[in-house]
N, C-alpha and C. Protein backbone atom coordinates (compact mmCIF):
# COMPACT_ATOMS: atom_id res chain seq x y z
N MET A 1 21.72 11.70 -1.63
CA MET A 1 20.94 12.38 -2.67
C MET A 1 19.54 12.64 -2.14
N ALA A 2 19.02 13.82 -2.39
CA ALA A 2 17.70 14.18 -1.87
C ALA A 2 16.75 14.45 -3.01
N THR A 3 15.48 14.08 -2.82
CA THR A 3 14.44 14.42 -3.79
C THR A 3 13.15 14.64 -3.03
N GLY A 4 12.72 15.89 -2.95
CA GLY A 4 11.52 16.19 -2.18
C GLY A 4 11.72 15.78 -0.74
N ASN A 5 10.86 14.89 -0.25
CA ASN A 5 11.01 14.41 1.12
C ASN A 5 11.68 13.04 1.16
N ILE A 6 12.32 12.65 0.06
CA ILE A 6 12.98 11.34 -0.01
C ILE A 6 14.48 11.55 -0.02
N VAL A 7 15.19 10.79 0.79
CA VAL A 7 16.64 10.83 0.78
C VAL A 7 17.14 9.43 0.48
N MET A 8 17.89 9.30 -0.59
CA MET A 8 18.42 8.00 -0.99
C MET A 8 19.95 8.06 -0.91
N ALA A 9 20.52 7.20 -0.07
CA ALA A 9 21.97 7.15 0.02
C ALA A 9 22.51 5.88 -0.63
N GLU A 10 21.64 4.92 -0.84
CA GLU A 10 22.09 3.61 -1.32
C GLU A 10 22.35 3.66 -2.82
N THR A 11 23.56 3.29 -3.22
CA THR A 11 23.92 3.31 -4.63
C THR A 11 24.43 1.96 -5.12
N ASP A 12 24.66 1.00 -4.22
CA ASP A 12 25.16 -0.30 -4.61
C ASP A 12 24.04 -1.10 -5.30
N TYR A 13 24.29 -1.50 -6.54
CA TYR A 13 23.22 -2.13 -7.33
C TYR A 13 22.72 -3.41 -6.67
N ALA A 14 23.63 -4.25 -6.21
CA ALA A 14 23.23 -5.52 -5.60
C ALA A 14 22.36 -5.28 -4.36
N ALA A 15 22.73 -4.28 -3.57
CA ALA A 15 21.95 -3.97 -2.37
C ALA A 15 20.55 -3.49 -2.74
N ILE A 16 20.47 -2.68 -3.79
CA ILE A 16 19.16 -2.20 -4.25
C ILE A 16 18.32 -3.36 -4.77
N ALA A 17 18.93 -4.25 -5.54
CA ALA A 17 18.20 -5.39 -6.11
C ALA A 17 17.73 -6.36 -5.04
N ARG A 18 18.43 -6.40 -3.91
CA ARG A 18 18.03 -7.31 -2.82
C ARG A 18 16.85 -6.78 -2.02
N ARG A 19 16.59 -5.50 -2.09
CA ARG A 19 15.51 -4.92 -1.30
C ARG A 19 14.16 -5.38 -1.82
N PRO A 20 13.32 -5.97 -0.97
CA PRO A 20 12.00 -6.41 -1.44
C PRO A 20 11.10 -5.23 -1.76
N LEU A 21 10.30 -5.40 -2.79
CA LEU A 21 9.31 -4.37 -3.11
C LEU A 21 8.21 -4.35 -2.05
N GLU A 22 7.76 -3.15 -1.71
CA GLU A 22 6.65 -2.97 -0.78
C GLU A 22 5.60 -2.11 -1.47
N ALA A 23 4.38 -2.60 -1.51
CA ALA A 23 3.32 -1.86 -2.19
C ALA A 23 3.18 -0.43 -1.66
N ALA A 24 3.36 -0.25 -0.36
CA ALA A 24 3.20 1.06 0.25
C ALA A 24 4.30 2.04 -0.14
N ARG A 25 5.37 1.54 -0.76
CA ARG A 25 6.48 2.40 -1.16
C ARG A 25 6.56 2.59 -2.67
N CYS A 26 5.64 1.96 -3.40
CA CYS A 26 5.73 1.94 -4.87
C CYS A 26 4.68 2.83 -5.53
N ALA A 27 4.99 3.21 -6.76
CA ALA A 27 4.03 3.83 -7.66
C ALA A 27 4.32 3.29 -9.06
N LEU A 28 3.29 3.11 -9.85
CA LEU A 28 3.44 2.65 -11.22
C LEU A 28 3.45 3.84 -12.16
N VAL A 29 4.39 3.84 -13.11
CA VAL A 29 4.42 4.86 -14.16
C VAL A 29 4.25 4.14 -15.50
N VAL A 30 3.19 4.49 -16.21
CA VAL A 30 2.88 3.89 -17.51
C VAL A 30 3.16 4.95 -18.57
N VAL A 31 4.13 4.67 -19.44
CA VAL A 31 4.60 5.67 -20.39
C VAL A 31 4.07 5.38 -21.80
N ASP A 32 3.18 6.21 -22.27
CA ASP A 32 2.84 6.34 -23.70
C ASP A 32 2.37 5.07 -24.40
N ILE A 33 1.55 4.27 -23.76
CA ILE A 33 1.01 3.08 -24.44
C ILE A 33 -0.26 3.51 -25.17
N GLN A 34 -0.07 4.02 -26.38
CA GLN A 34 -1.11 4.71 -27.15
C GLN A 34 -1.51 3.95 -28.40
N GLU A 35 -2.74 4.21 -28.83
CA GLU A 35 -3.35 3.45 -29.93
C GLU A 35 -2.54 3.44 -31.21
N LYS A 36 -2.12 4.60 -31.69
CA LYS A 36 -1.47 4.65 -33.00
C LYS A 36 -0.02 4.20 -32.98
N LEU A 37 0.56 4.15 -31.79
CA LEU A 37 1.96 3.76 -31.67
C LEU A 37 2.13 2.28 -31.34
N VAL A 38 1.22 1.75 -30.55
CA VAL A 38 1.39 0.39 -30.05
C VAL A 38 1.38 -0.64 -31.18
N ARG A 39 0.67 -0.36 -32.26
CA ARG A 39 0.58 -1.33 -33.35
C ARG A 39 1.93 -1.60 -34.03
N HIS A 40 2.87 -0.69 -33.82
CA HIS A 40 4.19 -0.83 -34.44
C HIS A 40 5.24 -1.45 -33.51
N MET A 41 4.83 -1.83 -32.30
CA MET A 41 5.79 -2.33 -31.32
C MET A 41 6.18 -3.78 -31.57
N TYR A 42 7.45 -4.06 -31.31
CA TYR A 42 7.95 -5.43 -31.31
C TYR A 42 7.25 -6.20 -30.18
N GLU A 43 6.64 -7.35 -30.50
CA GLU A 43 5.91 -8.18 -29.55
C GLU A 43 4.86 -7.37 -28.77
N LYS A 44 4.03 -6.67 -29.51
CA LYS A 44 3.05 -5.78 -28.89
C LYS A 44 2.03 -6.52 -28.03
N GLU A 45 1.69 -7.76 -28.37
CA GLU A 45 0.72 -8.51 -27.57
C GLU A 45 1.27 -8.77 -26.17
N ARG A 46 2.55 -9.10 -26.09
CA ARG A 46 3.22 -9.32 -24.80
C ARG A 46 3.18 -8.03 -23.97
N LEU A 47 3.55 -6.94 -24.59
CA LEU A 47 3.58 -5.65 -23.91
C LEU A 47 2.21 -5.30 -23.34
N LEU A 48 1.16 -5.42 -24.16
CA LEU A 48 -0.18 -5.05 -23.72
C LEU A 48 -0.68 -5.97 -22.61
N ARG A 49 -0.45 -7.27 -22.77
CA ARG A 49 -0.92 -8.22 -21.75
C ARG A 49 -0.29 -7.91 -20.40
N ASN A 50 0.99 -7.63 -20.38
CA ASN A 50 1.68 -7.42 -19.11
C ASN A 50 1.39 -6.04 -18.53
N ALA A 51 1.21 -5.04 -19.37
CA ALA A 51 0.81 -3.73 -18.85
C ALA A 51 -0.57 -3.82 -18.20
N GLN A 52 -1.47 -4.60 -18.80
CA GLN A 52 -2.79 -4.80 -18.21
C GLN A 52 -2.69 -5.53 -16.86
N LEU A 53 -1.80 -6.53 -16.78
CA LEU A 53 -1.59 -7.24 -15.52
C LEU A 53 -1.12 -6.30 -14.42
N LEU A 54 -0.16 -5.46 -14.77
CA LEU A 54 0.35 -4.49 -13.79
C LEU A 54 -0.76 -3.53 -13.35
N ALA A 55 -1.55 -3.07 -14.29
CA ALA A 55 -2.64 -2.15 -13.96
C ALA A 55 -3.65 -2.81 -13.02
N ARG A 56 -3.99 -4.07 -13.30
CA ARG A 56 -4.91 -4.80 -12.41
C ARG A 56 -4.32 -4.91 -11.01
N ALA A 57 -3.03 -5.27 -10.94
CA ALA A 57 -2.38 -5.49 -9.65
C ALA A 57 -2.33 -4.22 -8.81
N VAL A 58 -1.91 -3.12 -9.42
CA VAL A 58 -1.77 -1.90 -8.61
C VAL A 58 -3.13 -1.38 -8.17
N LYS A 59 -4.15 -1.59 -8.98
CA LYS A 59 -5.49 -1.17 -8.57
C LYS A 59 -5.95 -1.96 -7.34
N LEU A 60 -5.71 -3.26 -7.36
CA LEU A 60 -6.09 -4.11 -6.23
C LEU A 60 -5.32 -3.75 -4.96
N LEU A 61 -4.04 -3.42 -5.14
CA LEU A 61 -3.16 -3.16 -4.00
C LEU A 61 -3.15 -1.69 -3.59
N GLU A 62 -3.95 -0.87 -4.27
CA GLU A 62 -4.04 0.56 -3.99
C GLU A 62 -2.69 1.26 -4.12
N VAL A 63 -1.94 0.83 -5.15
CA VAL A 63 -0.70 1.48 -5.51
C VAL A 63 -1.03 2.57 -6.52
N PRO A 64 -0.63 3.81 -6.29
CA PRO A 64 -0.96 4.88 -7.24
C PRO A 64 -0.29 4.67 -8.59
N ALA A 65 -0.93 5.17 -9.62
CA ALA A 65 -0.38 5.06 -10.98
C ALA A 65 -0.43 6.41 -11.67
N LEU A 66 0.63 6.70 -12.40
CA LEU A 66 0.69 7.89 -13.25
C LEU A 66 0.84 7.42 -14.69
N THR A 67 0.06 8.01 -15.59
CA THR A 67 0.07 7.58 -16.98
C THR A 67 0.32 8.77 -17.89
N THR A 68 1.25 8.59 -18.82
CA THR A 68 1.52 9.67 -19.77
C THR A 68 1.10 9.27 -21.18
N THR A 69 0.88 10.29 -21.98
CA THR A 69 0.77 10.12 -23.43
C THR A 69 1.77 11.09 -24.07
N GLN A 70 2.14 10.77 -25.29
CA GLN A 70 3.05 11.62 -26.06
C GLN A 70 2.25 12.16 -27.24
N ASN A 71 1.98 13.47 -27.23
CA ASN A 71 1.27 14.08 -28.35
C ASN A 71 0.00 13.28 -28.68
N ALA A 72 -0.92 13.24 -27.75
CA ALA A 72 -2.13 12.43 -27.91
C ALA A 72 -2.93 12.80 -29.16
N ARG A 73 -2.88 14.06 -29.58
CA ARG A 73 -3.61 14.45 -30.79
C ARG A 73 -3.09 13.71 -32.01
N GLY A 74 -1.79 13.44 -32.03
CA GLY A 74 -1.21 12.75 -33.18
C GLY A 74 -1.13 11.24 -33.02
N LEU A 75 -0.85 10.77 -31.79
CA LEU A 75 -0.62 9.35 -31.58
C LEU A 75 -1.79 8.64 -30.91
N GLY A 76 -2.83 9.39 -30.62
CA GLY A 76 -4.02 8.77 -30.04
C GLY A 76 -3.94 8.63 -28.54
N PRO A 77 -5.07 8.24 -27.93
CA PRO A 77 -5.13 8.08 -26.47
C PRO A 77 -4.47 6.78 -26.03
N VAL A 78 -4.40 6.59 -24.72
CA VAL A 78 -3.98 5.30 -24.16
C VAL A 78 -4.93 4.23 -24.68
N VAL A 79 -4.40 3.07 -25.03
CA VAL A 79 -5.25 2.00 -25.57
C VAL A 79 -6.38 1.71 -24.58
N PRO A 80 -7.61 1.59 -25.06
CA PRO A 80 -8.76 1.50 -24.14
C PRO A 80 -8.71 0.29 -23.22
N GLU A 81 -8.19 -0.86 -23.69
CA GLU A 81 -8.16 -2.04 -22.84
C GLU A 81 -7.22 -1.88 -21.65
N LEU A 82 -6.30 -0.93 -21.73
CA LEU A 82 -5.43 -0.60 -20.60
C LEU A 82 -6.01 0.56 -19.80
N ALA A 83 -6.49 1.58 -20.49
CA ALA A 83 -7.00 2.78 -19.83
C ALA A 83 -8.10 2.45 -18.82
N GLU A 84 -8.97 1.52 -19.17
CA GLU A 84 -10.10 1.20 -18.29
C GLU A 84 -9.66 0.52 -16.99
N LEU A 85 -8.43 -0.02 -16.96
CA LEU A 85 -7.94 -0.71 -15.77
C LEU A 85 -7.12 0.18 -14.85
N LEU A 86 -6.67 1.31 -15.35
CA LEU A 86 -5.78 2.16 -14.55
C LEU A 86 -6.57 2.91 -13.48
N PRO A 87 -6.01 2.95 -12.26
CA PRO A 87 -6.74 3.58 -11.16
C PRO A 87 -6.86 5.09 -11.28
N ASN A 88 -5.97 5.72 -12.03
CA ASN A 88 -6.02 7.18 -12.18
C ASN A 88 -6.24 7.50 -13.65
N GLN A 89 -7.36 8.10 -13.97
CA GLN A 89 -7.71 8.38 -15.36
C GLN A 89 -7.21 9.74 -15.84
N ASN A 90 -6.44 10.43 -15.02
CA ASN A 90 -5.91 11.73 -15.41
C ASN A 90 -4.58 11.55 -16.16
N PHE A 91 -4.67 11.27 -17.46
CA PHE A 91 -3.48 10.99 -18.25
C PHE A 91 -2.77 12.29 -18.62
N LEU A 92 -1.47 12.31 -18.46
CA LEU A 92 -0.66 13.52 -18.64
C LEU A 92 -0.07 13.53 -20.05
N ASP A 93 -0.48 14.49 -20.85
CA ASP A 93 -0.05 14.54 -22.25
C ASP A 93 1.18 15.44 -22.38
N LYS A 94 2.30 14.85 -22.73
CA LYS A 94 3.58 15.56 -22.75
C LYS A 94 4.09 15.72 -24.18
N THR A 95 5.06 16.60 -24.34
CA THR A 95 5.72 16.76 -25.63
C THR A 95 7.19 16.36 -25.54
N SER A 96 7.72 16.26 -24.33
CA SER A 96 9.12 15.82 -24.14
C SER A 96 9.17 14.30 -24.06
N PHE A 97 10.32 13.74 -24.40
CA PHE A 97 10.49 12.29 -24.25
C PHE A 97 10.56 11.92 -22.77
N ASP A 98 11.33 12.68 -22.00
CA ASP A 98 11.46 12.47 -20.56
C ASP A 98 10.20 12.97 -19.86
N SER A 99 9.50 12.07 -19.20
CA SER A 99 8.26 12.48 -18.52
C SER A 99 8.51 13.55 -17.47
N PHE A 100 9.66 13.50 -16.81
CA PHE A 100 9.96 14.48 -15.76
C PHE A 100 10.17 15.88 -16.31
N ALA A 101 10.46 16.00 -17.60
CA ALA A 101 10.62 17.33 -18.20
C ALA A 101 9.28 18.03 -18.36
N TYR A 102 8.19 17.28 -18.21
CA TYR A 102 6.85 17.86 -18.26
C TYR A 102 6.44 18.16 -16.83
N GLU A 103 6.34 19.42 -16.49
CA GLU A 103 6.18 19.85 -15.10
C GLU A 103 4.99 19.21 -14.39
N PRO A 104 3.81 19.07 -15.03
CA PRO A 104 2.70 18.42 -14.33
C PRO A 104 3.02 16.98 -13.90
N PHE A 105 3.82 16.27 -14.69
CA PHE A 105 4.21 14.92 -14.29
C PHE A 105 5.15 14.98 -13.10
N ALA A 106 6.17 15.82 -13.18
CA ALA A 106 7.12 15.95 -12.07
C ALA A 106 6.40 16.32 -10.78
N ALA A 107 5.43 17.23 -10.89
CA ALA A 107 4.66 17.63 -9.71
C ALA A 107 3.81 16.48 -9.19
N ALA A 108 3.24 15.69 -10.10
CA ALA A 108 2.41 14.56 -9.69
C ALA A 108 3.23 13.51 -8.96
N VAL A 109 4.47 13.29 -9.39
CA VAL A 109 5.34 12.34 -8.70
C VAL A 109 5.63 12.84 -7.29
N LYS A 110 5.96 14.11 -7.17
CA LYS A 110 6.24 14.69 -5.84
C LYS A 110 5.03 14.61 -4.92
N ALA A 111 3.84 14.66 -5.51
CA ALA A 111 2.61 14.68 -4.71
C ALA A 111 2.07 13.29 -4.39
N LEU A 112 2.77 12.24 -4.78
CA LEU A 112 2.30 10.89 -4.50
C LEU A 112 2.12 10.70 -3.00
N PRO A 113 1.06 10.01 -2.60
CA PRO A 113 0.80 9.85 -1.16
C PRO A 113 1.80 8.90 -0.49
N GLY A 114 2.10 9.16 0.77
CA GLY A 114 3.00 8.29 1.52
C GLY A 114 4.44 8.50 1.12
N LYS A 115 5.29 7.62 1.58
CA LYS A 115 6.73 7.70 1.30
C LYS A 115 7.05 6.79 0.12
N ARG A 116 6.71 7.25 -1.06
CA ARG A 116 6.92 6.46 -2.28
C ARG A 116 8.34 6.70 -2.79
N ASN A 117 9.21 5.73 -2.63
CA ASN A 117 10.59 5.88 -3.09
C ASN A 117 10.93 4.95 -4.25
N THR A 118 9.93 4.18 -4.72
CA THR A 118 10.17 3.19 -5.77
C THR A 118 9.18 3.39 -6.90
N LEU A 119 9.70 3.53 -8.11
CA LEU A 119 8.85 3.65 -9.29
C LEU A 119 8.96 2.39 -10.13
N LEU A 120 7.82 1.85 -10.50
CA LEU A 120 7.73 0.72 -11.43
C LEU A 120 7.38 1.33 -12.78
N VAL A 121 8.30 1.25 -13.72
CA VAL A 121 8.14 2.00 -14.97
C VAL A 121 7.98 1.03 -16.14
N CYS A 122 6.87 1.14 -16.86
CA CYS A 122 6.65 0.34 -18.06
C CYS A 122 6.21 1.26 -19.18
N GLY A 123 6.15 0.72 -20.40
CA GLY A 123 5.63 1.51 -21.50
C GLY A 123 6.49 1.48 -22.73
N MET A 124 6.45 2.56 -23.50
CA MET A 124 7.16 2.61 -24.77
C MET A 124 7.46 4.06 -25.15
N GLU A 125 8.47 4.31 -25.94
CA GLU A 125 9.37 3.26 -26.39
C GLU A 125 10.51 3.10 -25.39
N THR A 126 10.98 1.87 -25.27
CA THR A 126 11.97 1.51 -24.26
C THR A 126 13.23 2.35 -24.37
N HIS A 127 13.68 2.60 -25.59
CA HIS A 127 14.96 3.28 -25.80
C HIS A 127 14.85 4.80 -25.82
N SER A 128 13.64 5.33 -25.70
CA SER A 128 13.49 6.79 -25.73
C SER A 128 12.72 7.27 -24.50
N CYS A 129 11.40 7.29 -24.56
CA CYS A 129 10.62 7.88 -23.47
C CYS A 129 10.77 7.11 -22.15
N VAL A 130 10.75 5.78 -22.21
CA VAL A 130 10.92 5.00 -20.98
C VAL A 130 12.34 5.21 -20.43
N LEU A 131 13.32 5.08 -21.30
CA LEU A 131 14.72 5.26 -20.88
C LEU A 131 14.94 6.63 -20.23
N GLN A 132 14.53 7.68 -20.90
CA GLN A 132 14.80 9.02 -20.38
C GLN A 132 14.06 9.29 -19.07
N THR A 133 12.86 8.76 -18.96
CA THR A 133 12.11 8.89 -17.71
C THR A 133 12.81 8.16 -16.58
N VAL A 134 13.29 6.96 -16.87
CA VAL A 134 13.99 6.16 -15.86
C VAL A 134 15.30 6.83 -15.44
N LEU A 135 16.06 7.34 -16.39
CA LEU A 135 17.33 7.98 -16.05
C LEU A 135 17.12 9.17 -15.12
N THR A 136 16.09 9.98 -15.40
CA THR A 136 15.83 11.13 -14.53
C THR A 136 15.34 10.67 -13.16
N ALA A 137 14.50 9.64 -13.11
CA ALA A 137 14.03 9.11 -11.83
C ALA A 137 15.21 8.65 -10.97
N LEU A 138 16.15 7.97 -11.60
CA LEU A 138 17.35 7.52 -10.87
C LEU A 138 18.16 8.72 -10.39
N GLU A 139 18.30 9.70 -11.24
CA GLU A 139 19.05 10.91 -10.87
C GLU A 139 18.39 11.63 -9.69
N LYS A 140 17.07 11.54 -9.60
CA LYS A 140 16.35 12.18 -8.51
C LYS A 140 16.35 11.34 -7.24
N GLY A 141 16.93 10.15 -7.30
CA GLY A 141 17.06 9.33 -6.10
C GLY A 141 16.03 8.25 -5.91
N TYR A 142 15.17 8.04 -6.90
CA TYR A 142 14.19 6.96 -6.78
C TYR A 142 14.81 5.61 -7.10
N LEU A 143 14.32 4.58 -6.43
CA LEU A 143 14.59 3.22 -6.87
C LEU A 143 13.67 2.94 -8.05
N VAL A 144 14.18 2.28 -9.07
CA VAL A 144 13.37 2.04 -10.27
C VAL A 144 13.43 0.56 -10.64
N HIS A 145 12.26 -0.04 -10.81
CA HIS A 145 12.15 -1.41 -11.31
C HIS A 145 11.44 -1.34 -12.66
N VAL A 146 12.00 -2.02 -13.64
CA VAL A 146 11.47 -2.00 -15.00
C VAL A 146 11.07 -3.41 -15.41
N PRO A 147 9.77 -3.67 -15.57
CA PRO A 147 9.33 -4.97 -16.08
C PRO A 147 9.59 -5.04 -17.59
N VAL A 148 10.59 -5.79 -17.97
CA VAL A 148 11.03 -5.76 -19.37
C VAL A 148 9.95 -6.27 -20.32
N ASP A 149 9.07 -7.14 -19.82
CA ASP A 149 8.02 -7.69 -20.68
C ASP A 149 6.80 -6.77 -20.78
N ALA A 150 6.86 -5.62 -20.12
CA ALA A 150 5.79 -4.62 -20.25
C ALA A 150 6.35 -3.33 -20.85
N CYS A 151 7.45 -3.48 -21.57
CA CYS A 151 8.08 -2.36 -22.28
C CYS A 151 8.24 -2.75 -23.75
N GLY A 152 8.26 -1.76 -24.62
CA GLY A 152 8.38 -2.09 -26.03
C GLY A 152 9.01 -0.98 -26.84
N SER A 153 9.62 -1.40 -27.94
CA SER A 153 10.13 -0.48 -28.97
C SER A 153 9.71 -1.05 -30.32
N ARG A 154 9.88 -0.26 -31.37
CA ARG A 154 9.49 -0.74 -32.69
C ARG A 154 10.39 -1.86 -33.17
N THR A 155 11.64 -1.91 -32.70
CA THR A 155 12.53 -2.99 -33.09
C THR A 155 13.08 -3.69 -31.85
N GLU A 156 13.42 -4.95 -32.01
CA GLU A 156 14.00 -5.71 -30.90
C GLU A 156 15.33 -5.10 -30.46
N LEU A 157 16.12 -4.62 -31.43
CA LEU A 157 17.41 -4.02 -31.10
C LEU A 157 17.24 -2.84 -30.16
N ASN A 158 16.34 -1.91 -30.49
CA ASN A 158 16.16 -0.74 -29.64
C ASN A 158 15.57 -1.09 -28.28
N TRP A 159 14.72 -2.09 -28.23
CA TRP A 159 14.19 -2.59 -26.95
C TRP A 159 15.36 -3.05 -26.08
N LYS A 160 16.26 -3.83 -26.65
CA LYS A 160 17.40 -4.35 -25.88
C LYS A 160 18.37 -3.24 -25.49
N VAL A 161 18.61 -2.31 -26.40
CA VAL A 161 19.52 -1.20 -26.11
C VAL A 161 18.99 -0.38 -24.93
N GLY A 162 17.71 -0.08 -24.95
CA GLY A 162 17.11 0.68 -23.86
C GLY A 162 17.23 -0.03 -22.53
N LEU A 163 16.96 -1.34 -22.53
CA LEU A 163 17.05 -2.12 -21.29
C LEU A 163 18.48 -2.17 -20.77
N GLU A 164 19.44 -2.36 -21.66
CA GLU A 164 20.84 -2.43 -21.24
C GLU A 164 21.29 -1.11 -20.63
N ARG A 165 20.87 0.00 -21.22
CA ARG A 165 21.25 1.31 -20.69
C ARG A 165 20.63 1.53 -19.31
N MET A 166 19.37 1.16 -19.14
CA MET A 166 18.71 1.34 -17.84
C MET A 166 19.37 0.47 -16.77
N ARG A 167 19.70 -0.75 -17.13
CA ARG A 167 20.38 -1.65 -16.18
C ARG A 167 21.74 -1.08 -15.79
N ALA A 168 22.48 -0.58 -16.75
CA ALA A 168 23.80 0.00 -16.46
C ALA A 168 23.69 1.24 -15.58
N ALA A 169 22.58 1.96 -15.71
CA ALA A 169 22.38 3.19 -14.93
C ALA A 169 21.93 2.92 -13.50
N GLY A 170 21.46 1.69 -13.23
CA GLY A 170 21.05 1.35 -11.87
C GLY A 170 19.62 0.92 -11.69
N ALA A 171 18.83 0.87 -12.78
CA ALA A 171 17.47 0.36 -12.67
C ALA A 171 17.50 -1.15 -12.53
N VAL A 172 16.57 -1.69 -11.76
CA VAL A 172 16.46 -3.14 -11.60
C VAL A 172 15.56 -3.66 -12.70
N LEU A 173 16.12 -4.50 -13.58
CA LEU A 173 15.31 -5.12 -14.62
C LEU A 173 14.59 -6.32 -14.03
N SER A 174 13.32 -6.42 -14.34
CA SER A 174 12.49 -7.45 -13.73
C SER A 174 11.47 -7.94 -14.74
N SER A 175 10.48 -8.68 -14.28
CA SER A 175 9.38 -9.10 -15.13
C SER A 175 8.07 -8.75 -14.43
N THR A 176 7.01 -8.74 -15.19
CA THR A 176 5.70 -8.41 -14.62
C THR A 176 5.32 -9.36 -13.50
N GLU A 177 5.46 -10.66 -13.72
CA GLU A 177 5.09 -11.63 -12.69
C GLU A 177 5.97 -11.50 -11.46
N THR A 178 7.27 -11.27 -11.66
CA THR A 178 8.17 -11.10 -10.52
C THR A 178 7.70 -9.95 -9.64
N ILE A 179 7.39 -8.83 -10.27
CA ILE A 179 6.93 -7.65 -9.52
C ILE A 179 5.61 -7.94 -8.81
N ILE A 180 4.66 -8.55 -9.51
CA ILE A 180 3.36 -8.84 -8.90
C ILE A 180 3.49 -9.80 -7.74
N PHE A 181 4.25 -10.89 -7.92
CA PHE A 181 4.42 -11.86 -6.85
C PHE A 181 5.08 -11.23 -5.63
N GLU A 182 6.01 -10.33 -5.88
CA GLU A 182 6.69 -9.66 -4.77
C GLU A 182 5.75 -8.71 -4.03
N LEU A 183 4.90 -8.03 -4.76
CA LEU A 183 3.98 -7.09 -4.14
C LEU A 183 2.87 -7.78 -3.35
N VAL A 184 2.36 -8.91 -3.86
CA VAL A 184 1.23 -9.56 -3.18
C VAL A 184 1.70 -10.47 -2.04
N ARG A 185 2.98 -10.87 -2.07
CA ARG A 185 3.64 -11.60 -0.97
C ARG A 185 3.31 -13.09 -0.88
N GLY A 186 2.09 -13.51 -1.11
CA GLY A 186 1.77 -14.92 -0.95
C GLY A 186 0.52 -15.33 -1.71
N PHE A 187 0.35 -16.65 -1.89
CA PHE A 187 -0.76 -17.14 -2.70
C PHE A 187 -2.08 -17.12 -1.96
N ASN A 188 -2.04 -16.93 -0.64
CA ASN A 188 -3.28 -16.92 0.14
C ASN A 188 -3.90 -15.54 0.28
N THR A 189 -3.28 -14.54 -0.31
CA THR A 189 -3.79 -13.18 -0.18
C THR A 189 -4.98 -12.96 -1.12
N PRO A 190 -5.92 -12.11 -0.74
CA PRO A 190 -7.06 -11.82 -1.62
C PRO A 190 -6.62 -11.27 -2.98
N ALA A 191 -5.57 -10.44 -3.00
CA ALA A 191 -5.11 -9.86 -4.26
C ALA A 191 -4.60 -10.94 -5.20
N PHE A 192 -3.83 -11.89 -4.67
CA PHE A 192 -3.31 -12.95 -5.52
C PHE A 192 -4.44 -13.81 -6.08
N LYS A 193 -5.40 -14.11 -5.24
CA LYS A 193 -6.52 -14.95 -5.69
C LYS A 193 -7.32 -14.26 -6.80
N GLU A 194 -7.45 -12.96 -6.69
CA GLU A 194 -8.19 -12.22 -7.72
C GLU A 194 -7.39 -12.10 -9.02
N LEU A 195 -6.06 -12.06 -8.90
CA LEU A 195 -5.21 -11.93 -10.08
C LEU A 195 -4.94 -13.27 -10.76
N LEU A 196 -5.10 -14.36 -10.02
CA LEU A 196 -4.72 -15.68 -10.53
C LEU A 196 -5.30 -16.02 -11.90
N PRO A 197 -6.57 -15.74 -12.19
CA PRO A 197 -7.09 -16.08 -13.52
C PRO A 197 -6.33 -15.38 -14.66
N TYR A 198 -5.76 -14.23 -14.39
CA TYR A 198 -5.04 -13.48 -15.42
C TYR A 198 -3.58 -13.90 -15.52
N LEU A 199 -3.11 -14.68 -14.56
CA LEU A 199 -1.72 -15.13 -14.55
C LEU A 199 -1.54 -16.49 -15.21
N LYS A 200 -2.64 -17.14 -15.54
CA LYS A 200 -2.56 -18.48 -16.13
C LYS A 200 -2.31 -18.41 -17.62
């Protein structure tokens, strides 16, 4: 399968899950964590805390981030406590649930620096915008890791349904700490030491 300058032949889920994350191959995608919507999310404090952790980590590790909003005029901007941490302040306002259906987002993914073949996708809602974005990313040949504790839906049922569908489609379900620990590699690294106060 080909996507831009990326060719992915690996389809075995276990083989994909065994591959270690590399910061130089990753990009973070933050989907629609907006002011008027987040207040209705199941376990919203968990979602916000972990999205902020991911934003801090990718900024330290110089991992690019793409951030979307859904109808920002109606649902508000990205929550300020997250927006201020994201390395790229050019938030892409879409009308489709699938981020890839919005051409500026699809173009931004293609334009990511280096050989980025892995997307770390968090946000809301898990069963709609996150799910559809992940399914298209997989179809385009990207490896996708989803930190389940940085995703949310209005109900626990829909959160679980979205996660189950993504796992069945080939996305690697993970956690925020798992992803961060894998990216920083060890406790003696400057990035880990700087993140440690936020991990306690």
